[in-house]
Amino acid sequence: MPLSPLHPRPELEYVLDHSDASLVVASPRFAELLRPMAEQAGRRFALTTELLEARPGRLPGIDLQRRAMMLASLEGASDHERLRHLETLMVLAMTAMENFHSFTSECQRLASSLTHAAAERH
């Protein structure tokens, strides 16, 4: 789940405390802000630079009934290519969150409209 370091500290702490995230990943620029919060919430913390240096491991078994997923091999990729891949995944995640919030808002408006219409009929 992408976090914006521009959000107030209490909001970031709330998300970390109430999410099922097991790992917080941050660029070195935001390590001073996010590392203590991650540790306080009992989450592992990693820097993007550390992850870019890590050797890729084996992929887990995949259930063929799984509806959607994205796989990419970064073996042999440069640090720049790995960072671009991470940025792409973060943009996809942020877009998905925005779409979910828009969908949720639209559902709430529709439910309110239907409730109002039903009340007018009675």
C-alpha atoms as a PDB file:
ATOM      1  CA  MET A   1       0.000   0.000   0.000  1.00  0.00           C
ATOM      2  CA  PRO A   2       1.614   3.261  -1.046  1.00  0.00           C
ATOM      3  CA  LEU A   3       2.021   5.878   1.661  1.00  0.00           C
ATOM      4  CA  SER A   4       2.604   9.520   1.013  1.00  0.00           C
ATOM      5  CA  PRO A   5       5.247  11.065   3.268  1.00  0.00           C
ATOM      6  CA  LEU A   6       3.293  14.296   2.811  1.00  0.00           C
ATOM      7  CA  HIS A   7       0.483  12.945   5.006  1.00  0.00           C
ATOM      8  CA  PRO A   8       0.554  13.974   8.672  1.00  0.00           C
ATOM      9  CA  ARG A   9       2.490  11.629  10.949  1.00  0.00           C
ATOM     10  CA  PRO A  10      -0.644  10.493  12.875  1.00  0.00           C
ATOM     11  CA  GLU A  11      -2.282   9.433   9.607  1.00  0.00           C
ATOM     12  CA  LEU A  12       0.784   7.433   8.556  1.00  0.00           C
ATOM     13  CA  GLU A  13       0.922   5.799  11.988  1.00  0.00           C
ATOM     14  CA  TYR A  14      -2.774   4.920  11.774  1.00  0.00           C
ATOM     15  CA  VAL A  15      -2.307   3.220   8.388  1.00  0.00           C
ATOM     16  CA  LEU A  16       0.681   1.241   9.652  1.00  0.00           C
ATOM     17  CA  ASP A  17      -1.145   0.224  12.830  1.00  0.00           C
ATOM     18  CA  HIS A  18      -4.314  -0.860  11.004  1.00  0.00           C
ATOM     19  CA  SER A  19      -2.953  -2.521   7.884  1.00  0.00           C
ATOM     20  CA  ASP A  20      -1.860  -6.096   7.349  1.00  0.00           C
ATOM     21  CA  ALA A  21       1.379  -4.887   5.768  1.00  0.00           C
ATOM     22  CA  SER A  22       4.399  -6.812   6.989  1.00  0.00           C
ATOM     23  CA  LEU A  23       7.019  -4.660   5.283  1.00  0.00           C
ATOM     24  CA  VAL A  24       7.483  -0.912   4.835  1.00  0.00           C
ATOM     25  CA  VAL A  25       9.625   0.108   1.854  1.00  0.00           C
ATOM     26  CA  ALA A  26      10.947   3.647   1.546  1.00  0.00           C
ATOM     27  CA  SER A  27      13.515   5.568  -0.394  1.00  0.00           C
ATOM     28  CA  PRO A  28      16.513   6.702   1.688  1.00  0.00           C
ATOM     29  CA  ARG A  29      15.071  10.218   1.563  1.00  0.00           C
ATOM     30  CA  PHE A  30      12.158   9.171   3.820  1.00  0.00           C
ATOM     31  CA  ALA A  31      13.931   6.598   6.005  1.00  0.00           C
ATOM     32  CA  GLU A  32      14.298   8.969   8.952  1.00  0.00           C
ATOM     33  CA  LEU A  33      10.534   9.553   8.977  1.00  0.00           C
ATOM     34  CA  LEU A  34       9.230   6.057   8.230  1.00  0.00           C
ATOM     35  CA  ARG A  35      11.723   3.650   9.850  1.00  0.00           C
ATOM     36  CA  PRO A  36      10.760   4.553  13.468  1.00  0.00           C
ATOM     37  CA  MET A  37       7.055   4.322  12.634  1.00  0.00           C
ATOM     38  CA  ALA A  38       7.511   0.930  10.964  1.00  0.00           C
ATOM     39  CA  GLU A  39       9.489  -0.398  13.919  1.00  0.00           C
ATOM     40  CA  GLN A  40       6.950   0.960  16.412  1.00  0.00           C
ATOM     41  CA  ALA A  41       4.164  -0.797  14.460  1.00  0.00           C
ATOM     42  CA  GLY A  42       6.160  -4.045  14.465  1.00  0.00           C
ATOM     43  CA  ARG A  43       6.748  -3.993  10.706  1.00  0.00           C
ATOM     44  CA  ARG A  44       9.960  -4.842   8.882  1.00  0.00           C
ATOM     45  CA  PHE A  45      11.600  -1.898   7.136  1.00  0.00           C
ATOM     46  CA  ALA A  46      13.657  -1.880   3.941  1.00  0.00           C
ATOM     47  CA  LEU A  47      15.143   0.799   1.756  1.00  0.00           C
ATOM     48  CA  THR A  48      14.545   0.802  -1.970  1.00  0.00           C
ATOM     49  CA  THR A  49      18.318   0.820  -2.420  1.00  0.00           C
ATOM     50  CA  GLU A  50      18.612  -2.396  -0.395  1.00  0.00           C
ATOM     51  CA  LEU A  51      15.912  -4.095  -2.420  1.00  0.00           C
ATOM     52  CA  LEU A  52      17.515  -3.068  -5.681  1.00  0.00           C
ATOM     53  CA  GLU A  53      20.755  -4.719  -4.569  1.00  0.00           C
ATOM     54  CA  ALA A  54      19.108  -7.984  -3.498  1.00  0.00           C
ATOM     55  CA  ARG A  55      19.424 -11.033  -5.696  1.00  0.00           C
ATOM     56  CA  PRO A  56      16.051 -12.302  -6.911  1.00  0.00           C
ATOM     57  CA  GLY A  57      14.768 -15.437  -5.242  1.00  0.00           C
ATOM     58  CA  ARG A  58      12.492 -18.190  -6.440  1.00  0.00           C
ATOM     59  CA  LEU A  59       8.868 -17.376  -7.173  1.00  0.00           C
ATOM     60  CA  PRO A  60       6.245 -19.040  -4.983  1.00  0.00           C
ATOM     61  CA  GLY A  61       3.798 -21.581  -6.365  1.00  0.00           C
ATOM     62  CA  ILE A  62       0.907 -19.924  -8.181  1.00  0.00           C
ATOM     63  CA  ASP A  63      -2.727 -21.009  -7.987  1.00  0.00           C
ATOM     64  CA  LEU A  64      -3.946 -21.208 -11.592  1.00  0.00           C
ATOM     65  CA  GLN A  65      -7.374 -19.944 -10.466  1.00  0.00           C
ATOM     66  CA  ARG A  66      -5.863 -16.639  -9.332  1.00  0.00           C
ATOM     67  CA  ARG A  67      -7.614 -13.871 -11.244  1.00  0.00           C
ATOM     68  CA  ALA A  68      -4.832 -11.342 -11.772  1.00  0.00           C
ATOM     69  CA  MET A  69      -1.195 -10.851 -11.036  1.00  0.00           C
ATOM     70  CA  MET A  70       1.877  -9.245 -12.502  1.00  0.00           C
ATOM     71  CA  LEU A  71       5.161 -11.099 -12.887  1.00  0.00           C
ATOM     72  CA  ALA A  72       8.429  -9.644 -14.009  1.00  0.00           C
ATOM     73  CA  SER A  73      11.953 -10.974 -13.997  1.00  0.00           C
ATOM     74  CA  LEU A  74      14.508  -8.432 -12.906  1.00  0.00           C
ATOM     75  CA  GLU A  75      17.421 -10.856 -13.099  1.00  0.00           C
ATOM     76  CA  GLY A  76      20.286  -9.094 -14.781  1.00  0.00           C
ATOM     77  CA  ALA A  77      18.453  -5.770 -14.713  1.00  0.00           C
ATOM     78  CA  SER A  78      20.322  -2.608 -13.884  1.00  0.00           C
ATOM     79  CA  ASP A  79      19.514  -0.623 -10.753  1.00  0.00           C
ATOM     80  CA  HIS A  80      17.849   1.967 -12.972  1.00  0.00           C
ATOM     81  CA  GLU A  81      15.608  -0.697 -14.579  1.00  0.00           C
ATOM     82  CA  ARG A  82      14.679  -2.109 -11.179  1.00  0.00           C
ATOM     83  CA  LEU A  83      13.833   1.344  -9.864  1.00  0.00           C
ATOM     84  CA  ARG A  84      11.688   2.079 -12.942  1.00  0.00           C
ATOM     85  CA  HIS A  85       9.872  -1.230 -12.365  1.00  0.00           C
ATOM     86  CA  LEU A  86       9.253  -0.334  -8.711  1.00  0.00           C
ATOM     87  CA  GLU A  87       7.993   3.108  -9.730  1.00  0.00           C
ATOM     88  CA  THR A  88       5.627   1.511 -12.268  1.00  0.00           C
ATOM     89  CA  LEU A  89       4.239  -0.850  -9.626  1.00  0.00           C
ATOM     90  CA  MET A  90       3.734   2.041  -7.209  1.00  0.00           C
ATOM     91  CA  VAL A  91       1.883   4.062  -9.866  1.00  0.00           C
ATOM     92  CA  LEU A  92      -0.323   1.036 -10.600  1.00  0.00           C
ATOM     93  CA  ALA A  93      -1.051   0.608  -6.894  1.00  0.00           C
ATOM     94  CA  MET A  94      -1.863   4.296  -6.449  1.00  0.00           C
ATOM     95  CA  THR A  95      -4.120   4.254  -9.518  1.00  0.00           C
ATOM     96  CA  ALA A  96      -5.927   1.190  -8.176  1.00  0.00           C
ATOM     97  CA  MET A  97      -6.452   2.958  -4.841  1.00  0.00           C
ATOM     98  CA  GLU A  98      -7.789   6.083  -6.539  1.00  0.00           C
ATOM     99  CA  ASN A  99     -10.139   3.991  -8.686  1.00  0.00           C
ATOM    100  CA  PHE A 100     -11.334   2.099  -5.608  1.00  0.00           C
ATOM    101  CA  HIS A 101     -12.050   5.335  -3.736  1.00  0.00           C
ATOM    102  CA  SER A 102     -13.903   6.758  -6.765  1.00  0.00           C
ATOM    103  CA  PHE A 103     -15.913   3.547  -7.096  1.00  0.00           C
ATOM    104  CA  THR A 104     -16.718   3.549  -3.370  1.00  0.00           C
ATOM    105  CA  SER A 105     -17.850   7.183  -3.512  1.00  0.00           C
ATOM    106  CA  GLU A 106     -20.018   6.467  -6.547  1.00  0.00           C
ATOM    107  CA  CYS A 107     -21.590   3.477  -4.776  1.00  0.00           C
ATOM    108  CA  GLN A 108     -22.340   5.621  -1.737  1.00  0.00           C
ATOM    109  CA  ARG A 109     -23.951   8.303  -3.916  1.00  0.00           C
ATOM    110  CA  LEU A 110     -26.038   5.678  -5.718  1.00  0.00           C
ATOM    111  CA  ALA A 111     -27.138   4.086  -2.437  1.00  0.00           C
ATOM    112  CA  SER A 112     -28.109   7.495  -1.072  1.00  0.00           C
ATOM    113  CA  SER A 113     -30.034   8.310  -4.231  1.00  0.00           C
ATOM    114  CA  LEU A 114     -31.873   4.982  -4.157  1.00  0.00           C
ATOM    115  CA  THR A 115     -32.703   5.399  -0.458  1.00  0.00           C
ATOM    116  CA  HIS A 116     -34.010   8.904  -1.110  1.00  0.00           C
ATOM    117  CA  ALA A 117     -36.115   7.712  -4.084  1.00  0.00           C
ATOM    118  CA  ALA A 118     -37.552   4.841  -2.046  1.00  0.00           C
ATOM    119  CA  ALA A 119     -38.453   7.207   0.797  1.00  0.00           C
ATOM    120  CA  GLU A 120     -40.267   9.528  -1.619  1.00  0.00           C
ATOM    121  CA  ARG A 121     -42.372   6.627  -2.924  1.00  0.00           C
ATOM    122  CA  HIS A 122     -43.643   5.795   0.537  1.00  0.00           C
END
